[in-house]
Amino acid sequence: MTPKEALNILDETVIGNLELKIVLSNAIEKQIPKKCKKFKDVCSCGYGVFPHMNFCSQCGQALDWSDTE
């Protein structure tokens, strides 16, 4: 199951507990790799990262190092 599939299932199954849904959604979204900002050395949380890192050590966000340009 991919993180995006997990988010879809979460939307369909967690009813009534908004706080739980927010916490789970945030945790799942961190598993979806995101590109870094500013010359590829800063995570979306603002913490400095290096190309050998798969996850930000500050916030846990999965990092996408692929070049699409």
Protein backbone atom coordinates (compact mmCIF):
# COMPACT_ATOMS: atom_id res chain seq x y z
CA MET A 1 0.00 0.00 0.00
CA THR A 2 1.32 3.43 -0.89
CA PRO A 3 1.02 6.44 1.41
CA LYS A 4 -1.52 8.00 -0.98
CA GLU A 5 -3.67 4.87 -0.82
CA ALA A 6 -3.42 4.94 2.97
CA LEU A 7 -4.64 8.55 3.02
CA ASN A 8 -7.64 7.59 0.87
CA ILE A 9 -8.52 4.71 3.19
CA LEU A 10 -8.11 6.99 6.21
CA ASP A 11 -10.54 9.49 4.69
CA GLU A 12 -13.12 6.74 4.21
CA THR A 13 -12.76 4.97 7.56
CA VAL A 14 -11.96 7.45 10.36
CA ILE A 15 -15.23 9.16 11.13
CA GLY A 16 -15.98 11.35 14.12
CA ASN A 17 -12.51 11.76 15.62
CA LEU A 18 -11.06 14.75 13.80
CA GLU A 19 -7.96 15.02 16.01
CA LEU A 20 -7.02 11.39 15.32
CA LYS A 21 -7.58 11.88 11.60
CA ILE A 22 -5.29 14.94 11.55
CA VAL A 23 -2.50 13.19 13.45
CA LEU A 24 -2.67 10.09 11.24
CA SER A 25 -2.84 12.18 8.04
CA ASN A 26 0.24 14.18 9.05
CA ALA A 27 2.19 11.00 9.82
CA ILE A 28 1.24 9.40 6.49
CA GLU A 29 2.00 12.57 4.49
CA LYS A 30 5.56 12.60 5.88
CA GLN A 31 6.09 9.26 4.13
CA ILE A 32 5.45 10.85 0.71
CA PRO A 33 8.85 12.13 -0.54
CA LYS A 34 9.01 15.89 -1.12
CA LYS A 35 11.63 17.87 -2.95
CA CYS A 36 13.90 20.11 -0.90
CA LYS A 37 13.87 23.89 -1.12
CA LYS A 38 16.65 26.32 -1.99
CA PHE A 39 19.42 24.56 -3.85
CA LYS A 40 18.27 21.16 -2.54
CA ASP A 41 19.77 21.65 0.90
CA VAL A 42 16.77 22.66 3.00
CA CYS A 43 13.77 20.51 3.97
CA SER A 44 10.27 21.99 3.81
CA CYS A 45 10.51 22.43 7.63
CA GLY A 46 13.56 24.68 7.14
CA TYR A 47 16.14 22.22 8.50
CA GLY A 48 19.37 21.64 6.56
CA VAL A 49 19.67 18.25 4.82
CA PHE A 50 22.29 16.41 2.75
CA PRO A 51 21.90 14.28 -0.40
CA HIS A 52 22.70 11.03 1.42
CA MET A 53 19.68 11.53 3.73
CA ASN A 54 16.40 9.78 2.87
CA PHE A 55 14.51 11.50 5.70
CA CYS A 56 14.86 14.87 7.43
CA SER A 57 16.34 14.27 10.89
CA GLN A 58 14.35 17.22 12.29
CA CYS A 59 10.78 16.51 11.14
CA GLY A 60 10.93 13.01 9.60
CA GLN A 61 9.79 14.09 6.13
CA ALA A 62 10.78 11.67 3.36
CA LEU A 63 13.06 13.48 0.88
CA ASP A 64 12.99 13.32 -2.93
CA TRP A 65 16.44 13.86 -4.44
CA SER A 66 15.47 13.09 -8.04
CA ASP A 67 16.33 15.70 -10.64
CA THR A 68 13.39 16.62 -12.82
CA GLU A 69 14.94 19.66 -14.47
